[in-house]
């Protein structure tokens, strides 16, 4: 039992840096998207550290780094 807990702890420490360095991912809109709507929203995620800017404005994100603002 003690070995299993040790491995679980080690596994969480190894994967944490990978999460901290995740790139910006934009799920929506897709590449080459065109719209005639008066508003559009962005859905994506980025590393919780740092900021995500759209047109120079910081957009709010969840503690996990997810965002979904509309413009």
PDB file of N, CA and C in Angstrom:
ATOM      1  N   UNK A   1       0.833  -1.196   0.000  1.00  0.00           N
ATOM      2  CA  UNK A   1       0.000   0.000   0.000  1.00  0.00           C
ATOM      3  C   UNK A   1       0.870   1.249   0.000  1.00  0.00           C
ATOM      4  N   UNK A   2       1.932   1.222   0.791  1.00  0.00           N
ATOM      5  CA  UNK A   2       2.812   2.381   0.872  1.00  0.00           C
ATOM      6  C   UNK A   2       3.485   2.666  -0.470  1.00  0.00           C
ATOM      7  N   UNK A   3       3.886   1.610  -1.194  1.00  0.00           N
ATOM      8  CA  UNK A   3       4.511   1.789  -2.504  1.00  0.00           C
ATOM      9  C   UNK A   3       3.538   2.400  -3.506  1.00  0.00           C
ATOM     10  N   UNK A   4       2.284   1.996  -3.435  1.00  0.00           N
ATOM     11  CA  UNK A   4       1.279   2.539  -4.359  1.00  0.00           C
ATOM     12  C   UNK A   4       1.085   4.031  -4.118  1.00  0.00           C
ATOM     13  N   UNK A   5       1.008   4.441  -2.861  1.00  0.00           N
ATOM     14  CA  UNK A   5       0.866   5.870  -2.556  1.00  0.00           C
ATOM     15  C   UNK A   5       2.088   6.646  -3.016  1.00  0.00           C
ATOM     16  N   UNK A   6       3.264   6.080  -2.840  1.00  0.00           N
ATOM     17  CA  UNK A   6       4.491   6.734  -3.297  1.00  0.00           C
ATOM     18  C   UNK A   6       4.508   6.910  -4.799  1.00  0.00           C
ATOM     19  N   UNK A   7       4.087   5.878  -5.527  1.00  0.00           N
ATOM     20  CA  UNK A   7       4.029   5.977  -6.985  1.00  0.00           C
ATOM     21  C   UNK A   7       2.997   7.000  -7.437  1.00  0.00           C
ATOM     22  N   UNK A   8       1.858   7.049  -6.761  1.00  0.00           N
ATOM     23  CA  UNK A   8       0.828   8.030  -7.111  1.00  0.00           C
ATOM     24  C   UNK A   8       1.342   9.446  -6.905  1.00  0.00           C
ATOM     25  N   UNK A   9       2.034   9.678  -5.807  1.00  0.00           N
ATOM     26  CA  UNK A   9       2.596  11.001  -5.542  1.00  0.00           C
ATOM     27  C   UNK A   9       3.647  11.364  -6.577  1.00  0.00           C
ATOM     28  N   UNK A  10       4.524  10.421  -6.898  1.00  0.00           N
ATOM     29  CA  UNK A  10       5.555  10.666  -7.903  1.00  0.00           C
ATOM     30  C   UNK A  10       4.919  10.960  -9.256  1.00  0.00           C
ATOM     31  N   UNK A  11       3.883  10.207  -9.615  1.00  0.00           N
ATOM     32  CA  UNK A  11       3.200  10.433 -10.887  1.00  0.00           C
ATOM     33  C   UNK A  11       2.590  11.815 -10.982  1.00  0.00           C
ATOM     34  N   UNK A  12       2.015  12.302  -9.896  1.00  0.00           N
ATOM     35  CA  UNK A  12       1.421  13.640  -9.926  1.00  0.00           C
ATOM     36  C   UNK A  12       2.490  14.711 -10.036  1.00  0.00           C
ATOM     37  N   UNK A  13       3.652  14.490  -9.454  1.00  0.00           N
ATOM     38  CA  UNK A  13       4.736  15.477  -9.540  1.00  0.00           C
ATOM     39  C   UNK A  13       5.334  15.498 -10.939  1.00  0.00           C
ATOM     40  N   UNK A  14       5.379  14.365 -11.605  1.00  0.00           N
ATOM     41  CA  UNK A  14       5.946  14.304 -12.950  1.00  0.00           C
ATOM     42  C   UNK A  14       5.016  14.958 -13.963  1.00  0.00           C
ATOM     43  N   UNK A  15       3.708  14.776 -13.835  1.00  0.00           N
ATOM     44  CA  UNK A  15       2.777  15.321 -14.825  1.00  0.00           C
ATOM     45  C   UNK A  15       2.475  16.795 -14.618  1.00  0.00           C
ATOM     46  N   UNK A  16       2.673  17.334 -13.442  1.00  0.00           N
ATOM     47  CA  UNK A  16       2.349  18.738 -13.181  1.00  0.00           C
ATOM     48  C   UNK A  16       3.085  19.715 -14.088  1.00  0.00           C
ATOM     49  N   UNK A  17       4.411  19.581 -14.320  1.00  0.00           N
ATOM     50  CA  UNK A  17       5.074  20.534 -15.213  1.00  0.00           C
ATOM     51  C   UNK A  17       4.525  20.499 -16.634  1.00  0.00           C
ATOM     52  N   UNK A  18       4.071  19.356 -17.108  1.00  0.00           N
ATOM     53  CA  UNK A  18       3.507  19.281 -18.456  1.00  0.00           C
ATOM     54  C   UNK A  18       2.227  20.099 -18.544  1.00  0.00           C
ATOM     55  N   UNK A  19       1.406  20.063 -17.500  1.00  0.00           N
ATOM     56  CA  UNK A  19       0.182  20.861 -17.503  1.00  0.00           C
ATOM     57  C   UNK A  19       0.494  22.342 -17.460  1.00  0.00           C
ATOM     58  N   UNK A  20       1.523  22.735 -16.726  1.00  0.00           N
ATOM     59  CA  UNK A  20       1.854  24.144 -16.567  1.00  0.00           C
ATOM     60  C   UNK A  20       2.338  24.756 -17.873  1.00  0.00           C
ATOM     61  N   UNK A  21       2.811  23.932 -18.798  1.00  0.00           N
ATOM     62  CA  UNK A  21       3.358  24.461 -20.038  1.00  0.00           C
ATOM     63  C   UNK A  21       2.478  24.159 -21.244  1.00  0.00           C
ATOM     64  N   UNK A  22       1.192  23.895 -21.020  1.00  0.00           N
ATOM     65  CA  UNK A  22       0.332  23.593 -22.150  1.00  0.00           C
ATOM     66  C   UNK A  22       0.226  24.808 -23.052  1.00  0.00           C
ATOM     67  N   UNK A  23       0.185  24.608 -24.364  1.00  0.00           N
ATOM     68  CA  UNK A  23       0.076  25.728 -25.291  1.00  0.00           C
ATOM     69  C   UNK A  23      -1.349  26.277 -25.325  1.00  0.00           C
ATOM     70  N   UNK A  24      -1.494  27.400 -25.958  1.00  0.00           N
ATOM     71  CA  UNK A  24      -2.825  27.958 -26.196  1.00  0.00           C
ATOM     72  C   UNK A  24      -3.565  27.028 -27.148  1.00  0.00           C
ATOM     73  N   UNK A  25      -4.774  26.651 -26.786  1.00  0.00           N
ATOM     74  CA  UNK A  25      -5.600  25.797 -27.634  1.00  0.00           C
ATOM     75  C   UNK A  25      -6.920  26.509 -27.872  1.00  0.00           C
ATOM     76  N   UNK A  26      -7.254  26.724 -29.120  1.00  0.00           N
ATOM     77  CA  UNK A  26      -8.512  27.368 -29.486  1.00  0.00           C
ATOM     78  C   UNK A  26      -9.421  26.314 -30.107  1.00  0.00           C
ATOM     79  N   UNK A  27     -10.488  25.950 -29.395  1.00  0.00           N
ATOM     80  CA  UNK A  27     -11.425  24.930 -29.867  1.00  0.00           C
ATOM     81  C   UNK A  27     -12.448  25.522 -30.838  1.00  0.00           C
ATOM     82  N   UNK A  28     -12.833  26.777 -30.605  1.00  0.00           N
ATOM     83  CA  UNK A  28     -13.809  27.440 -31.464  1.00  0.00           C
ATOM     84  C   UNK A  28     -13.506  28.922 -31.510  1.00  0.00           C
ATOM     85  N   UNK A  29     -13.548  29.556 -32.633  1.00  0.00           N
ATOM     86  CA  UNK A  29     -13.969  29.080 -33.937  1.00  0.00           C
ATOM     87  C   UNK A  29     -12.854  28.289 -34.628  1.00  0.00           C
ATOM     88  N   UNK A  30     -13.225  27.423 -35.550  1.00  0.00           N
ATOM     89  CA  UNK A  30     -12.216  26.665 -36.285  1.00  0.00           C
ATOM     90  C   UNK A  30     -11.474  27.564 -37.273  1.00  0.00           C
ATOM     91  N   UNK A  31     -10.358  27.095 -37.757  1.00  0.00           N
ATOM     92  CA  UNK A  31      -9.558  27.832 -38.739  1.00  0.00           C
ATOM     93  C   UNK A  31     -10.411  28.126 -39.973  1.00  0.00           C
ATOM     94  N   UNK A  32     -10.250  29.313 -40.527  1.00  0.00           N
ATOM     95  CA  UNK A  32     -10.973  29.773 -41.721  1.00  0.00           C
ATOM     96  C   UNK A  32     -12.470  29.987 -41.482  1.00  0.00           C
ATOM     97  N   UNK A  33     -12.883  30.095 -40.229  1.00  0.00           N
ATOM     98  CA  UNK A  33     -14.302  30.293 -39.909  1.00  0.00           C
ATOM     99  C   UNK A  33     -14.766  31.663 -40.397  1.00  0.00           C
ATOM    100  N   UNK A  34     -15.936  31.712 -40.971  1.00  0.00           N
ATOM    101  CA  UNK A  34     -16.546  32.969 -41.396  1.00  0.00           C
ATOM    102  C   UNK A  34     -17.933  33.055 -40.783  1.00  0.00           C
ATOM    103  N   UNK A  35     -18.332  34.266 -40.421  1.00  0.00           N
ATOM    104  CA  UNK A  35     -19.658  34.450 -39.840  1.00  0.00           C
ATOM    105  C   UNK A  35     -20.221  35.796 -40.254  1.00  0.00           C
ATOM    106  N   UNK A  36     -21.521  35.889 -40.217  1.00  0.00           N
ATOM    107  CA  UNK A  36     -22.206  37.163 -40.447  1.00  0.00           C
ATOM    108  C   UNK A  36     -22.894  37.624 -39.178  1.00  0.00           C
ATOM    109  N   UNK A  37     -22.719  36.859 -38.115  1.00  0.00           N
ATOM    110  CA  UNK A  37     -23.342  37.192 -36.830  1.00  0.00           C
ATOM    111  C   UNK A  37     -22.730  38.466 -36.260  1.00  0.00           C
ATOM    112  N   UNK A  38     -23.493  39.164 -35.453  1.00  0.00           N
ATOM    113  CA  UNK A  38     -22.988  40.397 -34.842  1.00  0.00           C
ATOM    114  C   UNK A  38     -22.065  40.104 -33.664  1.00  0.00           C
ATOM    115  N   UNK A  39     -22.109  38.887 -33.148  1.00  0.00           N
ATOM    116  CA  UNK A  39     -21.222  38.488 -32.054  1.00  0.00           C
ATOM    117  C   UNK A  39     -20.611  37.132 -32.364  1.00  0.00           C
ATOM    118  N   UNK A  40     -19.474  36.883 -31.722  1.00  0.00           N
ATOM    119  CA  UNK A  40     -18.823  35.582 -31.837  1.00  0.00           C
ATOM    120  C   UNK A  40     -18.183  35.269 -30.498  1.00  0.00           C
ATOM    121  N   UNK A  41     -18.014  34.006 -30.218  1.00  0.00           N
ATOM    122  CA  UNK A  41     -17.360  33.638 -28.969  1.00  0.00           C
ATOM    123  C   UNK A  41     -16.153  32.773 -29.261  1.00  0.00           C
ATOM    124  N   UNK A  42     -15.230  32.775 -28.331  1.00  0.00           N
ATOM    125  CA  UNK A  42     -14.020  31.962 -28.406  1.00  0.00           C
ATOM    126  C   UNK A  42     -14.095  30.915 -27.308  1.00  0.00           C
ATOM    127  N   UNK A  43     -13.718  29.701 -27.627  1.00  0.00           N
ATOM    128  CA  UNK A  43     -13.645  28.644 -26.621  1.00  0.00           C
ATOM    129  C   UNK A  43     -12.250  28.057 -26.697  1.00  0.00           C
ATOM    130  N   UNK A  44     -11.586  27.992 -25.566  1.00  0.00           N
ATOM    131  CA  UNK A  44     -10.247  27.429 -25.571  1.00  0.00           C
ATOM    132  C   UNK A  44      -9.681  27.269 -24.187  1.00  0.00           C
ATOM    133  N   UNK A  45      -8.402  26.975 -24.152  1.00  0.00           N
ATOM    134  CA  UNK A  45      -7.695  26.803 -22.891  1.00  0.00           C
ATOM    135  C   UNK A  45      -6.231  27.178 -23.072  1.00  0.00           C
ATOM    136  N   UNK A  46      -5.610  27.563 -21.983  1.00  0.00           N
ATOM    137  CA  UNK A  46      -4.188  27.896 -21.969  1.00  0.00           C
ATOM    138  C   UNK A  46      -3.676  27.623 -20.566  1.00  0.00           C
ATOM    139  N   UNK A  47      -2.394  27.677 -20.405  1.00  0.00           N
ATOM    140  CA  UNK A  47      -1.799  27.463 -19.090  1.00  0.00           C
ATOM    141  C   UNK A  47      -2.424  28.422 -18.083  1.00  0.00           C
ATOM    142  N   UNK A  48      -2.749  27.941 -16.886  1.00  0.00           N
ATOM    143  CA  UNK A  48      -3.336  28.824 -15.873  1.00  0.00           C
ATOM    144  C   UNK A  48      -2.424  29.994 -15.497  1.00  0.00           C
ATOM    145  N   UNK A  49      -1.122  29.815 -15.656  1.00  0.00           N
ATOM    146  CA  UNK A  49      -0.198  30.914 -15.385  1.00  0.00           C
ATOM    147  C   UNK A  49      -0.220  31.874 -16.579  1.00  0.00           C
ATOM    148  N   UNK A  50       0.034  33.113 -16.330  1.00  0.00           N
ATOM    149  CA  UNK A  50       0.068  34.091 -17.407  1.00  0.00           C
ATOM    150  C   UNK A  50      -1.317  34.603 -17.755  1.00  0.00           C
ATOM    151  N   UNK A  51      -1.410  35.243 -18.909  1.00  0.00           N
ATOM    152  CA  UNK A  51      -2.653  35.865 -19.344  1.00  0.00           C
ATOM    153  C   UNK A  51      -2.944  35.485 -20.782  1.00  0.00           C
ATOM    154  N   UNK A  52      -4.213  35.550 -21.141  1.00  0.00           N
ATOM    155  CA  UNK A  52      -4.633  35.421 -22.530  1.00  0.00           C
ATOM    156  C   UNK A  52      -5.234  36.766 -22.904  1.00  0.00           C
ATOM    157  N   UNK A  53      -4.740  37.345 -23.988  1.00  0.00           N
ATOM    158  CA  UNK A  53      -5.200  38.654 -24.441  1.00  0.00           C
ATOM    159  C   UNK A  53      -5.923  38.524 -25.777  1.00  0.00           C
ATOM    160  N   UNK A  54      -6.998  39.269 -25.925  1.00  0.00           N
ATOM    161  CA  UNK A  54      -7.703  39.385 -27.194  1.00  0.00           C
ATOM    162  C   UNK A  54      -7.831  40.874 -27.468  1.00  0.00           C
ATOM    163  N   UNK A  55      -7.259  41.317 -28.567  1.00  0.00           N
ATOM    164  CA  UNK A  55      -7.233  42.742 -28.909  1.00  0.00           C
ATOM    165  C   UNK A  55      -6.684  43.583 -27.762  1.00  0.00           C
ATOM    166  N   UNK A  56      -5.664  43.073 -27.094  1.00  0.00           N
ATOM    167  CA  UNK A  56      -5.017  43.812 -26.018  1.00  0.00           C
ATOM    168  C   UNK A  56      -5.721  43.750 -24.677  1.00  0.00           C
ATOM    169  N   UNK A  57      -6.850  43.080 -24.589  1.00  0.00           N
ATOM    170  CA  UNK A  57      -7.615  42.986 -23.347  1.00  0.00           C
ATOM    171  C   UNK A  57      -7.453  41.593 -22.736  1.00  0.00           C
ATOM    172  N   UNK A  58      -7.202  41.547 -21.431  1.00  0.00           N
ATOM    173  CA  UNK A  58      -7.108  40.275 -20.723  1.00  0.00           C
ATOM    174  C   UNK A  58      -8.500  39.662 -20.635  1.00  0.00           C
ATOM    175  N   UNK A  59      -8.620  38.385 -20.981  1.00  0.00           N
ATOM    176  CA  UNK A  59      -9.921  37.730 -20.878  1.00  0.00           C
ATOM    177  C   UNK A  59      -9.957  36.857 -19.624  1.00  0.00           C
ATOM    178  N   UNK A  60     -11.117  36.791 -18.964  1.00  0.00           N
ATOM    179  CA  UNK A  60     -11.230  35.967 -17.752  1.00  0.00           C
ATOM    180  C   UNK A  60     -11.164  34.485 -18.099  1.00  0.00           C
ATOM    181  N   UNK A  61     -10.554  33.719 -17.176  1.00  0.00           N
ATOM    182  CA  UNK A  61     -10.422  32.276 -17.366  1.00  0.00           C
ATOM    183  C   UNK A  61     -10.714  31.550 -16.067  1.00  0.00           C
ATOM    184  N   UNK A  62     -11.007  30.284 -16.184  1.00  0.00           N
ATOM    185  CA  UNK A  62     -11.231  29.450 -15.002  1.00  0.00           C
ATOM    186  C   UNK A  62      -9.883  29.142 -14.350  1.00  0.00           C
ATOM    187  N   UNK A  63      -9.882  28.617 -13.128  1.00  0.00           N
ATOM    188  CA  UNK A  63      -8.621  28.233 -12.488  1.00  0.00           C
ATOM    189  C   UNK A  63      -7.823  27.214 -13.306  1.00  0.00           C
ATOM    190  N   UNK A  64      -8.491  26.436 -14.147  1.00  0.00           N
ATOM    191  CA  UNK A  64      -7.801  25.452 -14.987  1.00  0.00           C
ATOM    192  C   UNK A  64      -7.249  26.078 -16.268  1.00  0.00           C
ATOM    193  N   UNK A  65      -7.600  27.352 -16.548  1.00  0.00           N
ATOM    194  CA  UNK A  65      -7.110  28.033 -17.743  1.00  0.00           C
ATOM    195  C   UNK A  65      -8.094  28.064 -18.894  1.00  0.00           C
ATOM    196  N   UNK A  66      -9.307  27.569 -18.703  1.00  0.00           N
ATOM    197  CA  UNK A  66     -10.315  27.555 -19.769  1.00  0.00           C
ATOM    198  C   UNK A  66     -10.946  28.935 -19.943  1.00  0.00           C
ATOM    199  N   UNK A  67     -11.356  29.230 -21.167  1.00  0.00           N
ATOM    200  CA  UNK A  67     -12.018  30.506 -21.428  1.00  0.00           C
ATOM    201  C   UNK A  67     -13.104  30.331 -22.482  1.00  0.00           C
ATOM    202  N   UNK A  68     -14.095  31.233 -22.452  1.00  0.00           N
ATOM    203  CA  UNK A  68     -15.188  31.221 -23.428  1.00  0.00           C
ATOM    204  C   UNK A  68     -15.859  32.591 -23.474  1.00  0.00           C
ATOM    205  N   UNK A  69     -15.100  33.656 -23.791  1.00  0.00           N
ATOM    206  CA  UNK A  69     -15.722  34.981 -23.866  1.00  0.00           C
ATOM    207  C   UNK A  69     -16.473  35.166 -25.187  1.00  0.00           C
ATOM    208  N   UNK A  70     -17.389  36.100 -25.196  1.00  0.00           N
ATOM    209  CA  UNK A  70     -18.058  36.452 -26.451  1.00  0.00           C
ATOM    210  C   UNK A  70     -17.770  37.919 -26.741  1.00  0.00           C
ATOM    211  N   UNK A  71     -17.754  38.234 -28.015  1.00  0.00           N
ATOM    212  CA  UNK A  71     -17.453  39.599 -28.461  1.00  0.00           C
ATOM    213  C   UNK A  71     -18.498  40.055 -29.452  1.00  0.00           C
TER     214      UNK A  71
END
